[in-house]
Amino acid sequence: MKRISSVTQKGQVTIPQVVREKLGIKYGDKVAFSFNEEGQVIIDRVSTDLDELYGILSDKKSSTPLEEERKLSREWIGEQKGRE
């Protein structure tokens, strides 16, 4: 069954819910548009490296005091600038 959406003045189209669910598209996701040999439009969800990293960090706070972390960050930035 075909799903129909209208194009806004800005060229935006709402992807129907059934299509979003089928492709696993959620709010904030990126989509890619391409064409197959017959000229039909192909829509794919674009996964980013961040998608694979989501949730791997623990909720534990660092044991390093904030001022020490800031000092280490400034030192690291200074080292990176020295490599330029």
N, C-alpha and C. Protein backbone atom coordinates (compact mmCIF):
# COMPACT_ATOMS: atom_id res chain seq x y z
N MET A 1 0.83 -1.17 0.00
CA MET A 1 0.00 0.00 0.00
C MET A 1 0.88 1.25 0.00
N LYS A 2 0.57 2.20 -0.85
CA LYS A 2 1.34 3.44 -0.92
C LYS A 2 0.96 4.38 0.20
N ARG A 3 1.94 5.12 0.68
CA ARG A 3 1.72 6.16 1.69
C ARG A 3 2.02 7.49 0.99
N ILE A 4 1.19 8.49 1.19
CA ILE A 4 1.34 9.77 0.49
C ILE A 4 1.58 10.88 1.51
N SER A 5 2.56 11.75 1.22
CA SER A 5 2.85 12.93 2.03
C SER A 5 2.94 14.13 1.11
N SER A 6 2.67 15.29 1.65
CA SER A 6 2.78 16.55 0.90
C SER A 6 4.14 17.18 1.14
N VAL A 7 4.60 17.95 0.16
CA VAL A 7 5.86 18.67 0.27
C VAL A 7 5.55 20.09 0.73
N THR A 8 6.26 20.57 1.76
CA THR A 8 6.06 21.94 2.26
C THR A 8 6.80 22.93 1.36
N GLN A 9 6.59 24.22 1.62
CA GLN A 9 7.29 25.26 0.85
C GLN A 9 8.80 25.15 0.99
N LYS A 10 9.26 24.61 2.10
CA LYS A 10 10.70 24.45 2.34
C LYS A 10 11.24 23.15 1.75
N GLY A 11 10.39 22.38 1.08
CA GLY A 11 10.83 21.12 0.49
C GLY A 11 10.85 19.97 1.49
N GLN A 12 10.20 20.13 2.63
CA GLN A 12 10.19 19.10 3.66
C GLN A 12 9.01 18.16 3.46
N VAL A 13 9.23 16.90 3.79
CA VAL A 13 8.20 15.88 3.69
C VAL A 13 8.21 15.07 4.98
N THR A 14 7.04 14.77 5.49
CA THR A 14 6.94 13.90 6.66
C THR A 14 6.99 12.46 6.19
N ILE A 15 7.92 11.69 6.74
CA ILE A 15 8.01 10.27 6.40
C ILE A 15 6.92 9.56 7.20
N PRO A 16 6.02 8.87 6.54
CA PRO A 16 4.93 8.20 7.26
C PRO A 16 5.45 7.27 8.36
N GLN A 17 4.68 7.16 9.43
CA GLN A 17 5.07 6.38 10.60
C GLN A 17 5.41 4.94 10.24
N VAL A 18 4.61 4.31 9.40
CA VAL A 18 4.85 2.90 9.05
C VAL A 18 6.20 2.75 8.35
N VAL A 19 6.59 3.75 7.55
CA VAL A 19 7.89 3.71 6.84
C VAL A 19 9.02 3.93 7.85
N ARG A 20 8.84 4.90 8.75
CA ARG A 20 9.87 5.14 9.78
C ARG A 20 10.09 3.90 10.63
N GLU A 21 9.01 3.26 11.01
CA GLU A 21 9.14 2.05 11.83
C GLU A 21 9.85 0.94 11.07
N LYS A 22 9.49 0.76 9.81
CA LYS A 22 10.10 -0.30 8.99
C LYS A 22 11.61 -0.07 8.83
N LEU A 23 12.02 1.21 8.68
CA LEU A 23 13.44 1.54 8.49
C LEU A 23 14.17 1.78 9.81
N GLY A 24 13.44 1.80 10.92
CA GLY A 24 14.07 2.05 12.22
C GLY A 24 14.50 3.49 12.39
N ILE A 25 13.79 4.42 11.75
CA ILE A 25 14.13 5.84 11.82
C ILE A 25 13.43 6.46 13.02
N LYS A 26 14.23 7.17 13.84
CA LYS A 26 13.70 7.85 15.01
C LYS A 26 14.05 9.33 14.94
N TYR A 27 13.46 10.11 15.82
CA TYR A 27 13.73 11.55 15.88
C TYR A 27 15.24 11.81 15.94
N GLY A 28 15.72 12.72 15.12
CA GLY A 28 17.13 13.08 15.12
C GLY A 28 18.00 12.23 14.22
N ASP A 29 17.48 11.12 13.71
CA ASP A 29 18.25 10.27 12.81
C ASP A 29 18.48 10.97 11.48
N LYS A 30 19.49 10.55 10.77
CA LYS A 30 19.77 11.04 9.43
C LYS A 30 19.30 10.00 8.43
N VAL A 31 18.85 10.47 7.26
CA VAL A 31 18.43 9.56 6.19
C VAL A 31 19.19 9.92 4.92
N ALA A 32 19.45 8.91 4.10
CA ALA A 32 20.14 9.10 2.82
C ALA A 32 19.16 8.78 1.70
N PHE A 33 19.23 9.57 0.64
CA PHE A 33 18.40 9.36 -0.54
C PHE A 33 19.30 8.98 -1.71
N SER A 34 18.92 7.95 -2.44
CA SER A 34 19.66 7.55 -3.63
C SER A 34 18.65 7.01 -4.64
N PHE A 35 19.13 6.66 -5.82
CA PHE A 35 18.28 6.13 -6.88
C PHE A 35 18.77 4.76 -7.30
N ASN A 36 17.85 3.87 -7.64
CA ASN A 36 18.25 2.59 -8.20
C ASN A 36 18.27 2.70 -9.73
N GLU A 37 18.56 1.60 -10.42
CA GLU A 37 18.69 1.63 -11.88
C GLU A 37 17.39 2.05 -12.58
N GLU A 38 16.25 1.78 -11.95
CA GLU A 38 14.96 2.14 -12.56
C GLU A 38 14.57 3.58 -12.27
N GLY A 39 15.41 4.31 -11.52
CA GLY A 39 15.12 5.70 -11.19
C GLY A 39 14.27 5.87 -9.95
N GLN A 40 14.01 4.78 -9.25
CA GLN A 40 13.22 4.87 -8.02
C GLN A 40 14.09 5.40 -6.88
N VAL A 41 13.46 6.15 -6.00
CA VAL A 41 14.19 6.72 -4.86
C VAL A 41 14.31 5.67 -3.77
N ILE A 42 15.51 5.56 -3.24
CA ILE A 42 15.80 4.65 -2.13
C ILE A 42 16.07 5.52 -0.90
N ILE A 43 15.43 5.20 0.21
CA ILE A 43 15.65 5.92 1.47
C ILE A 43 16.25 4.94 2.47
N ASP A 44 17.37 5.33 3.06
CA ASP A 44 18.04 4.49 4.06
C ASP A 44 18.33 5.31 5.30
N ARG A 45 18.26 4.67 6.44
CA ARG A 45 18.69 5.29 7.68
C ARG A 45 20.22 5.29 7.68
N VAL A 46 20.81 6.42 8.05
CA VAL A 46 22.26 6.53 8.10
C VAL A 46 22.69 6.35 9.54
N SER A 47 23.50 5.31 9.80
CA SER A 47 24.02 5.15 11.15
C SER A 47 25.37 5.84 11.23
N THR A 48 25.62 6.43 12.37
CA THR A 48 26.90 7.11 12.59
C THR A 48 27.69 6.31 13.61
N ASP A 49 28.95 6.62 13.72
CA ASP A 49 29.78 5.96 14.71
C ASP A 49 29.21 6.17 16.11
N LEU A 50 28.58 7.33 16.33
CA LEU A 50 28.01 7.61 17.65
C LEU A 50 26.88 6.66 17.98
N ASP A 51 26.13 6.22 16.96
CA ASP A 51 25.06 5.26 17.20
C ASP A 51 25.61 3.99 17.83
N GLU A 52 26.76 3.54 17.35
CA GLU A 52 27.34 2.32 17.89
C GLU A 52 27.94 2.54 19.28
N LEU A 53 28.31 3.77 19.60
CA LEU A 53 28.93 4.07 20.88
C LEU A 53 27.93 4.35 21.99
N TYR A 54 26.66 4.60 21.61
CA TYR A 54 25.66 4.98 22.60
C TYR A 54 25.57 3.95 23.73
N GLY A 55 25.64 4.43 24.93
CA GLY A 55 25.44 3.58 26.09
C GLY A 55 26.68 2.87 26.62
N ILE A 56 27.84 3.03 25.96
CA ILE A 56 29.01 2.29 26.45
C ILE A 56 29.67 2.97 27.65
N LEU A 57 29.40 4.26 27.83
CA LEU A 57 29.98 4.95 28.96
C LEU A 57 29.14 4.68 30.20
N SER A 58 29.81 4.48 31.30
CA SER A 58 29.08 4.21 32.54
C SER A 58 28.57 5.52 33.12
N ASP A 59 27.67 5.42 34.05
CA ASP A 59 27.13 6.59 34.72
C ASP A 59 28.02 7.02 35.89
N LYS A 60 29.12 6.30 36.11
CA LYS A 60 29.99 6.61 37.24
C LYS A 60 30.73 7.91 36.98
N LYS A 61 30.88 8.69 38.03
CA LYS A 61 31.61 9.95 37.92
C LYS A 61 33.10 9.68 38.09
N SER A 62 33.89 10.55 37.49
CA SER A 62 35.34 10.43 37.58
C SER A 62 35.78 10.67 39.02
N SER A 63 36.80 9.94 39.43
CA SER A 63 37.34 10.16 40.77
C SER A 63 38.34 11.31 40.78
N THR A 64 38.69 11.81 39.59
CA THR A 64 39.62 12.93 39.49
C THR A 64 38.87 14.23 39.77
N PRO A 65 39.39 15.07 40.67
CA PRO A 65 38.72 16.35 40.95
C PRO A 65 38.61 17.20 39.68
N LEU A 66 37.55 18.00 39.61
CA LEU A 66 37.27 18.80 38.42
C LEU A 66 38.44 19.71 38.05
N GLU A 67 39.03 20.37 39.02
CA GLU A 67 40.15 21.27 38.71
C GLU A 67 41.34 20.51 38.13
N GLU A 68 41.58 19.30 38.60
CA GLU A 68 42.67 18.48 38.06
C GLU A 68 42.36 18.09 36.61
N GLU A 69 41.08 17.74 36.34
CA GLU A 69 40.70 17.39 34.97
C GLU A 69 40.88 18.59 34.04
N ARG A 70 40.52 19.78 34.52
CA ARG A 70 40.70 21.00 33.72
C ARG A 70 42.18 21.24 33.43
N LYS A 71 43.02 21.05 34.45
CA LYS A 71 44.47 21.26 34.28
C LYS A 71 45.02 20.28 33.24
N LEU A 72 44.62 19.01 33.37
CA LEU A 72 45.09 18.00 32.41
C LEU A 72 44.61 18.31 31.00
N SER A 73 43.38 18.80 30.89
CA SER A 73 42.84 19.16 29.57
C SER A 73 43.62 20.30 28.95
N ARG A 74 43.93 21.33 29.74
CA ARG A 74 44.71 22.46 29.23
C ARG A 74 46.09 22.00 28.78
N GLU A 75 46.71 21.13 29.54
CA GLU A 75 48.03 20.62 29.17
C GLU A 75 47.96 19.83 27.86
N TRP A 76 46.93 19.00 27.73
CA TRP A 76 46.79 18.19 26.51
C TRP A 76 46.56 19.10 25.30
N ILE A 77 45.72 20.13 25.46
CA ILE A 77 45.48 21.08 24.35
C ILE A 77 46.76 21.78 23.97
N GLY A 78 47.55 22.18 24.97
CA GLY A 78 48.83 22.84 24.70
C GLY A 78 49.77 21.93 23.92
N GLU A 79 49.79 20.64 24.26
CA GLU A 79 50.64 19.68 23.54
C GLU A 79 50.16 19.54 22.08
N GLN A 80 48.84 19.50 21.88
CA GLN A 80 48.31 19.36 20.52
C GLN A 80 48.64 20.57 19.66
N LYS A 81 48.58 21.75 20.26
CA LYS A 81 48.92 22.98 19.52
C LYS A 81 50.40 22.99 19.16
N GLY A 82 51.24 22.43 20.03
CA GLY A 82 52.67 22.38 19.76
C GLY A 82 53.02 21.46 18.60
N ARG A 83 52.14 20.54 18.25
CA ARG A 83 52.38 19.60 17.15
C ARG A 83 52.06 20.20 15.79
N GLU A 84 51.36 21.33 15.78
CA GLU A 84 50.93 21.94 14.51
C GLU A 84 52.09 22.53 13.74
